Amino acid sequence: MSPEPAATTGAVPRVTLADVAALAGVSASTASLAFSGSGPVSDATKERVLAAASELGYAGPDPRARSLRRGRSGIVGVVLEERVRAAFLDPVKIQTLDGLAEGIAALGAGLLLFTDSGDPDAPVSLDTAPVDAVVLIGCSPKFFRQVEALQRRGIPLVAIEGAPGGDIPEITIDNREATRLGAEHVRSLGHTDVATVTLPFEPTRTRGELTPEMEAGATVDTAVERLRGARDVFPGIRVGVAGASSIEEGLEATRLLLADAATRPTAIIAQSDLLAAGAIQAAEELGLQVPRDLSVVGFDGIRVDGLQHDLTTLVQPSVAKGRAAGEAIVRMLAGEAASGTDFTSTLHVGDTTAPPRG
């Protein structure tokens, strides 16, 4: 009986771009251009290269090698002030990210999301991630350690309403002036007993009645500025602090403000449309009608699912804010100077505000 053939060992040789080029009958550089779509390659040649790649089981050039040649990773990091899941429940954050994606389109880069937990031991963190630039969205001062580290690495930074200080370009809106405009509208209707439901003031997201300690330790610039705008018109305004920008948090905060019938406000100025929707829900739970028994003003100008009212609100340009941040990143990566951008909000008067009853 003849002996069995000896078993062979070893890995199957990896197919390379040169193998594809040889099979297609073109140069390696032409094959590379066919894959990138960025050079003068005819459609017929491109089809021949792709057919050869398919026959050999070749998926394409290694993106890591391309990154090394370009000196970039093709990744723009985005740091959020909250858990990613919470951000995707907030239409304002989604609109901002949409605008940011538009703004960096010229780079052909992708977005990688982080939270501002600042944990250097996380599987992927800004201390280790190969990012070309970073956009901070509403991040609190607890993120400053990472900001300093990124600046030491020479990574371009842009902030959207984060007030990071230094020479970091910041994309802002007129939080104080816009809220003042909404408060003046409420006052013009005749309201004097007014309360506000605010965004969180500090990283622990403590909710409930605003205390002097909470206000003294405030680190979230957006909440502080919007409260200042309300106090410009109503200096003694009652303040309920929510733990996040959500309908549920607006509901809980407003329940406390409306709990005592003898001291109920006739109007509520909410620091987001989601909080305003929660305020309306709390009023309806008590049998109150909006706006007959309670006027409600929001902030953002978004569509809130399930809300049957045309909300009176301050409309901010969320998509434009994100786009401006992305365009600033493009300029910085091109070696050009980039400055901040200030946007303004407009008052939309809907059907949730009216003169106080009686």
Protein backbone atom coordinates (compact mmCIF):
# COMPACT_ATOMS: atom_id res chain seq x y z
CA MET A 1 0.00 0.00 0.00
CA SER A 2 1.41 3.36 -1.00
CA PRO A 3 2.08 5.85 1.82
CA GLU A 4 -0.37 8.71 2.43
CA PRO A 5 0.82 12.14 1.32
CA ALA A 6 2.37 14.24 4.08
CA ALA A 7 0.07 16.84 5.59
CA THR A 8 0.95 20.43 4.86
CA THR A 9 0.92 23.11 7.52
CA GLY A 10 1.07 26.88 7.58
CA ALA A 11 -1.23 29.77 6.88
CA VAL A 12 -2.68 30.43 3.45
CA PRO A 13 -0.68 33.25 1.84
CA ARG A 14 -2.53 36.58 2.08
CA VAL A 15 -3.66 38.01 -1.22
CA THR A 16 -2.12 41.40 -1.90
CA LEU A 17 -2.96 44.33 -4.11
CA ALA A 18 -0.04 43.31 -6.33
CA ASP A 19 -1.70 39.92 -6.91
CA VAL A 20 -4.92 41.65 -7.97
CA ALA A 21 -3.03 44.01 -10.27
CA ALA A 22 -1.19 41.08 -11.92
CA LEU A 23 -4.42 39.19 -12.56
CA ALA A 24 -6.14 42.31 -13.94
CA GLY A 25 -3.13 43.15 -16.11
CA VAL A 26 -2.56 46.61 -14.66
CA SER A 27 0.05 48.26 -12.47
CA ALA A 28 -0.25 48.21 -8.67
CA SER A 29 -0.77 51.99 -8.64
CA THR A 30 -3.65 51.70 -11.12
CA ALA A 31 -5.24 48.98 -9.00
CA SER A 32 -4.91 51.21 -5.93
CA LEU A 33 -6.60 54.10 -7.74
CA ALA A 34 -9.39 51.78 -8.87
CA PHE A 35 -10.14 50.93 -5.25
CA SER A 36 -9.93 54.51 -3.97
CA GLY A 37 -11.99 55.98 -6.78
CA SER A 38 -9.82 59.09 -6.60
CA GLY A 39 -7.84 58.87 -9.85
CA PRO A 40 -8.14 58.83 -13.67
CA VAL A 41 -9.11 55.19 -14.09
CA SER A 42 -11.59 54.17 -16.79
CA ASP A 43 -14.77 52.33 -15.81
CA ALA A 44 -13.66 49.29 -17.81
CA THR A 45 -10.32 49.12 -15.98
CA LYS A 46 -11.99 49.59 -12.64
CA GLU A 47 -14.41 46.75 -13.37
CA ARG A 48 -11.51 44.50 -14.43
CA VAL A 49 -9.64 45.24 -11.17
CA LEU A 50 -12.70 44.65 -9.00
CA ALA A 51 -13.46 41.40 -10.84
CA ALA A 52 -9.91 40.21 -10.22
CA ALA A 53 -10.20 41.16 -6.55
CA SER A 54 -13.44 39.22 -6.25
CA GLU A 55 -11.90 36.16 -7.89
CA LEU A 56 -8.95 36.22 -5.48
CA GLY A 57 -11.05 37.05 -2.40
CA TYR A 58 -9.33 40.39 -1.90
CA ALA A 59 -11.40 42.84 0.21
CA GLY A 60 -9.37 45.97 -0.46
CA PRO A 61 -6.27 47.86 0.73
CA ASP A 62 -5.59 47.83 4.48
CA PRO A 63 -7.12 51.06 5.85
CA ARG A 64 -4.41 51.17 8.52
CA ALA A 65 -1.73 51.43 5.86
CA ARG A 66 -3.65 54.19 4.15
CA SER A 67 -3.93 56.04 7.47
CA LEU A 68 -0.17 55.79 7.98
CA ARG A 69 0.50 57.20 4.51
CA ARG A 70 -1.90 60.09 5.06
CA GLY A 71 -0.74 60.72 8.61
CA ARG A 72 -4.36 60.66 9.79
CA SER A 73 -6.79 58.13 11.19
CA GLY A 74 -9.89 59.49 9.45
CA ILE A 75 -11.65 59.70 12.84
CA VAL A 76 -13.10 62.76 14.56
CA GLY A 77 -13.89 62.15 18.21
CA VAL A 78 -17.11 63.53 19.73
CA VAL A 79 -17.34 63.85 23.50
CA LEU A 80 -20.83 64.00 25.01
CA GLU A 81 -21.73 65.17 28.52
CA GLU A 82 -23.95 62.15 29.13
CA ARG A 83 -24.34 58.49 28.31
CA VAL A 84 -24.54 57.82 24.59
CA ARG A 85 -27.99 56.26 24.94
CA ALA A 86 -29.32 59.43 26.59
CA ALA A 87 -27.82 61.55 23.81
CA PHE A 88 -29.66 59.56 21.14
CA LEU A 89 -32.93 60.16 22.97
CA ASP A 90 -32.38 63.92 22.71
CA PRO A 91 -33.38 65.34 19.30
CA VAL A 92 -31.12 68.37 19.85
CA LYS A 93 -28.05 66.14 20.16
CA ILE A 94 -29.08 64.18 17.07
CA GLN A 95 -29.52 67.36 15.03
CA THR A 96 -26.16 68.63 16.24
CA LEU A 97 -24.45 65.38 15.24
CA ASP A 98 -26.16 65.52 11.84
CA GLY A 99 -24.78 69.01 11.31
CA LEU A 100 -21.33 67.94 12.48
CA ALA A 101 -21.31 65.06 9.99
CA GLU A 102 -22.18 67.54 7.23
CA GLY A 103 -19.44 69.90 8.38
CA ILE A 104 -16.65 67.32 8.21
CA ALA A 105 -17.87 65.73 4.96
CA ALA A 106 -14.93 67.23 3.08
CA LEU A 107 -12.56 65.14 5.23
CA GLY A 108 -14.22 61.84 4.42
CA ALA A 109 -13.86 61.11 8.15
CA GLY A 110 -16.08 59.18 10.54
CA LEU A 111 -17.34 60.11 14.00
CA LEU A 112 -16.39 58.20 17.14
CA LEU A 113 -18.48 58.94 20.24
CA PHE A 114 -17.14 59.19 23.79
CA THR A 115 -18.63 60.31 27.10
CA ASP A 116 -16.92 62.75 29.45
CA SER A 117 -16.44 60.15 32.19
CA GLY A 118 -12.72 60.63 31.79
CA ASP A 119 -11.91 56.99 32.54
CA PRO A 120 -8.42 56.33 31.08
CA ASP A 121 -8.86 52.58 31.71
CA ALA A 122 -11.91 52.28 29.44
CA PRO A 123 -11.45 49.94 26.43
CA VAL A 124 -11.47 52.97 24.15
CA SER A 125 -10.72 56.38 25.60
CA LEU A 126 -9.46 59.70 24.32
CA ASP A 127 -6.14 58.96 26.01
CA THR A 128 -5.54 56.14 23.52
CA ALA A 129 -7.93 56.58 20.59
CA PRO A 130 -6.25 57.55 17.27
CA VAL A 131 -8.37 60.64 16.57
CA ASP A 132 -7.51 63.49 14.20
CA ALA A 133 -9.62 66.06 16.06
CA VAL A 134 -12.19 66.25 18.86
CA VAL A 135 -15.51 68.08 19.27
CA LEU A 136 -16.80 68.64 22.81
CA ILE A 137 -20.58 68.90 23.13
CA GLY A 138 -21.67 70.54 26.38
CA CYS A 139 -18.86 68.97 28.41
CA SER A 140 -18.37 69.95 32.03
CA PRO A 141 -15.09 71.05 33.68
CA LYS A 142 -14.47 67.51 34.92
CA PHE A 143 -13.26 66.82 31.36
CA PHE A 144 -10.49 69.43 31.57
CA ARG A 145 -7.80 66.80 32.28
CA GLN A 146 -8.48 65.17 28.92
CA VAL A 147 -8.60 68.57 27.22
CA GLU A 148 -5.13 69.36 28.49
CA ALA A 149 -3.84 65.95 27.37
CA LEU A 150 -5.31 66.37 23.88
CA GLN A 151 -3.80 69.84 23.57
CA ARG A 152 -0.38 68.48 24.52
CA ARG A 153 -0.76 65.96 21.68
CA GLY A 154 -1.57 68.81 19.30
CA ILE A 155 -5.06 67.49 18.50
CA PRO A 156 -7.44 70.23 17.29
CA LEU A 157 -10.41 70.86 19.60
CA VAL A 158 -13.75 72.64 19.10
CA ALA A 159 -16.41 73.05 21.78
CA ILE A 160 -20.16 73.34 21.31
CA GLU A 161 -21.52 75.16 24.37
CA GLY A 162 -18.89 73.84 26.72
CA ALA A 163 -17.05 77.04 27.72
CA PRO A 164 -13.67 75.24 27.90
CA GLY A 165 -11.71 78.48 27.90
CA GLY A 166 -8.26 79.03 26.49
CA ASP A 167 -7.88 79.21 22.73
CA ILE A 168 -10.41 76.47 21.93
CA PRO A 169 -12.98 77.74 19.37
CA GLU A 170 -16.48 77.62 20.85
CA ILE A 171 -19.81 77.36 19.03
CA THR A 172 -22.41 79.13 21.17
CA ILE A 173 -25.99 80.36 21.20
CA ASP A 174 -27.52 83.27 23.05
CA ASN A 175 -28.81 81.23 26.00
CA ARG A 176 -29.31 84.18 28.35
CA GLU A 177 -30.76 86.60 25.82
CA ALA A 178 -33.07 83.98 24.31
CA THR A 179 -34.46 82.92 27.69
CA ARG A 180 -34.96 86.56 28.59
CA LEU A 181 -37.00 86.95 25.40
CA GLY A 182 -39.21 84.02 26.39
CA ALA A 183 -39.62 85.39 29.92
CA GLU A 184 -40.57 88.82 28.57
CA HIS A 185 -43.25 87.15 26.46
CA VAL A 186 -44.66 85.48 29.58
CA ARG A 187 -44.60 88.77 31.48
CA SER A 188 -46.31 90.59 28.61
CA LEU A 189 -49.24 88.19 28.99
CA GLY A 190 -49.66 89.28 32.60
CA HIS A 191 -47.93 86.48 34.51
CA THR A 192 -46.13 87.32 37.74
CA ASP A 193 -46.06 83.94 39.53
CA VAL A 194 -43.59 82.05 37.35
CA ALA A 195 -41.34 79.01 37.87
CA THR A 196 -38.59 77.46 35.78
CA VAL A 197 -37.53 73.85 35.20
CA THR A 198 -33.81 73.76 34.50
CA LEU A 199 -31.23 71.44 33.05
CA PRO A 200 -28.74 69.86 35.51
CA PHE A 201 -26.28 72.28 37.11
CA GLU A 202 -23.39 69.93 37.90
CA PRO A 203 -21.96 66.51 36.96
CA THR A 204 -23.83 64.55 39.66
CA ARG A 205 -27.12 65.72 38.10
CA THR A 206 -28.77 66.44 41.44
CA ARG A 207 -32.49 67.09 40.99
CA GLY A 208 -35.03 68.95 43.09
CA GLU A 209 -35.27 72.51 44.37
CA LEU A 210 -32.24 74.63 43.57
CA THR A 211 -30.16 75.20 46.70
CA PRO A 212 -27.43 77.83 47.25
CA GLU A 213 -24.88 74.99 47.38
CA MET A 214 -26.00 73.61 44.02
CA GLU A 215 -25.88 77.03 42.43
CA ALA A 216 -22.45 77.83 43.90
CA GLY A 217 -21.07 74.56 42.53
CA ALA A 218 -22.68 74.91 39.10
CA THR A 219 -20.47 73.76 36.23
CA VAL A 220 -22.94 73.55 33.33
CA ASP A 221 -22.83 76.88 31.54
CA THR A 222 -26.02 76.35 29.53
CA ALA A 223 -28.20 75.88 32.63
CA VAL A 224 -26.60 78.84 34.39
CA GLU A 225 -27.03 81.22 31.46
CA ARG A 226 -30.64 80.26 30.83
CA LEU A 227 -31.48 80.76 34.49
CA ARG A 228 -29.87 84.18 34.39
CA GLY A 229 -32.08 85.09 31.45
CA ALA A 230 -35.21 84.09 33.37
CA ARG A 231 -34.05 86.01 36.45
CA ASP A 232 -33.45 89.11 34.35
CA VAL A 233 -37.24 89.34 34.04
CA PHE A 234 -38.39 87.45 37.16
CA PRO A 235 -35.69 87.94 39.85
CA GLY A 236 -37.51 85.77 42.41
CA ILE A 237 -38.46 82.96 40.03
CA ARG A 238 -38.90 79.53 41.64
CA VAL A 239 -36.45 76.93 40.35
CA GLY A 240 -36.88 73.20 39.94
CA VAL A 241 -33.79 71.31 38.72
CA ALA A 242 -34.17 68.26 36.49
CA GLY A 243 -31.66 65.45 36.28
CA ALA A 244 -31.54 65.46 32.47
CA SER A 245 -33.23 66.90 29.40
CA SER A 246 -36.09 64.42 29.13
CA ILE A 247 -39.87 64.29 29.33
CA GLU A 248 -39.66 62.10 32.45
CA GLU A 249 -37.41 64.57 34.26
CA GLY A 250 -39.65 67.49 33.27
CA LEU A 251 -42.64 65.58 34.61
CA GLU A 252 -41.00 64.91 37.98
CA ALA A 253 -39.68 68.45 38.43
CA THR A 254 -43.03 70.02 37.53
CA ARG A 255 -44.98 67.71 39.85
CA LEU A 256 -43.06 69.27 42.74
CA LEU A 257 -43.72 72.79 41.53
CA LEU A 258 -47.46 72.14 41.13
CA ALA A 259 -47.94 69.98 44.23
CA ASP A 260 -49.38 72.76 46.44
CA ALA A 261 -52.47 74.27 44.83
CA ALA A 262 -52.08 77.41 46.95
CA THR A 263 -48.61 78.21 45.57
CA ARG A 264 -48.83 76.91 42.02
CA PRO A 265 -47.23 79.14 39.38
CA THR A 266 -49.32 80.28 36.45
CA ALA A 267 -46.46 79.81 34.00
CA ILE A 268 -43.39 77.60 33.66
CA ILE A 269 -40.29 78.39 31.63
CA ALA A 270 -38.53 75.12 30.80
CA GLN A 271 -34.91 75.00 29.65
CA SER A 272 -35.64 72.43 26.93
CA ASP A 273 -38.61 71.33 24.86
CA LEU A 274 -38.45 67.84 26.37
CA LEU A 275 -38.68 69.34 29.86
CA ALA A 276 -41.58 71.50 28.65
CA ALA A 277 -43.41 68.42 27.36
CA GLY A 278 -42.98 66.85 30.78
CA ALA A 279 -44.35 70.01 32.42
CA ILE A 280 -47.46 69.84 30.23
CA GLN A 281 -47.93 66.19 31.15
CA ALA A 282 -47.68 67.02 34.87
CA ALA A 283 -50.30 69.73 34.50
CA GLU A 284 -52.68 67.40 32.68
CA GLU A 285 -52.27 64.80 35.42
CA LEU A 286 -53.70 67.35 37.85
CA GLY A 287 -56.59 68.22 35.55
CA LEU A 288 -55.05 71.55 34.59
CA GLN A 289 -55.45 72.84 31.06
CA VAL A 290 -52.59 74.32 29.05
CA PRO A 291 -52.56 77.27 28.52
CA ARG A 292 -55.76 78.22 30.39
CA ASP A 293 -54.46 77.12 33.80
CA LEU A 294 -50.74 76.96 33.10
CA SER A 295 -48.61 78.56 30.39
CA VAL A 296 -45.50 76.66 29.30
CA VAL A 297 -42.45 77.86 27.36
CA GLY A 298 -39.72 75.55 26.07
CA PHE A 299 -36.30 75.93 24.49
CA ASP A 300 -34.89 74.21 21.35
CA GLY A 301 -37.58 74.24 18.66
CA ILE A 302 -37.76 70.48 18.14
CA ARG A 303 -40.63 68.15 17.35
CA VAL A 304 -41.61 66.20 20.48
CA ASP A 305 -43.31 62.89 19.71
CA GLY A 306 -46.77 62.63 21.26
CA LEU A 307 -47.07 66.32 22.12
CA GLN A 308 -50.44 67.55 20.91
CA HIS A 309 -49.63 71.24 21.39
CA ASP A 310 -47.82 73.78 19.25
CA LEU A 311 -45.24 74.60 21.91
CA THR A 312 -44.20 78.18 22.55
CA THR A 313 -40.41 77.89 22.48
CA LEU A 314 -37.05 79.44 21.70
CA VAL A 315 -35.87 77.91 18.43
CA GLN A 316 -32.13 77.28 18.26
CA PRO A 317 -30.20 76.29 15.09
CA SER A 318 -28.91 72.90 16.27
CA VAL A 319 -27.90 71.60 12.85
CA ALA A 320 -26.08 74.84 12.05
CA LYS A 321 -24.18 74.63 15.34
CA GLY A 322 -22.91 71.17 14.51
CA ARG A 323 -22.06 72.17 10.95
CA ALA A 324 -20.07 75.19 12.18
CA ALA A 325 -18.08 72.96 14.52
CA GLY A 326 -17.32 70.54 11.69
CA GLU A 327 -16.23 73.32 9.35
CA ALA A 328 -13.93 74.68 12.06
CA ILE A 329 -12.33 71.23 12.37
CA VAL A 330 -11.77 71.10 8.60
CA ARG A 331 -10.02 74.48 8.68
CA MET A 332 -7.85 73.50 11.65
CA LEU A 333 -6.74 70.24 10.04
CA ALA A 334 -5.81 72.24 6.94
CA GLY A 335 -3.51 74.37 9.10
CA GLU A 336 -5.81 77.38 9.02
CA ALA A 337 -7.02 79.47 11.94
CA ALA A 338 -10.54 78.80 13.21
CA SER A 339 -12.65 81.02 15.40
CA GLY A 340 -15.84 80.46 17.36
CA THR A 341 -19.34 81.17 16.06
CA ASP A 342 -22.22 82.75 17.96
CA PHE A 343 -25.78 81.84 16.94
CA THR A 344 -29.06 83.45 17.95
CA SER A 345 -32.40 81.87 18.78
CA THR A 346 -35.87 83.05 17.81
CA LEU A 347 -39.12 83.04 19.76
CA HIS A 348 -41.91 80.89 18.33
CA VAL A 349 -45.27 81.67 19.92
CA GLY A 350 -47.49 78.60 19.83
CA ASP A 351 -50.62 77.61 21.72
CA THR A 352 -49.08 76.84 25.14
CA THR A 353 -48.98 80.42 26.43
CA ALA A 354 -51.91 82.72 27.27
CA PRO A 355 -52.84 85.34 29.87
CA PRO A 356 -53.29 83.92 33.39
CA ARG A 357 -56.77 82.71 34.19
CA GLY A 358 -58.94 85.33 35.91
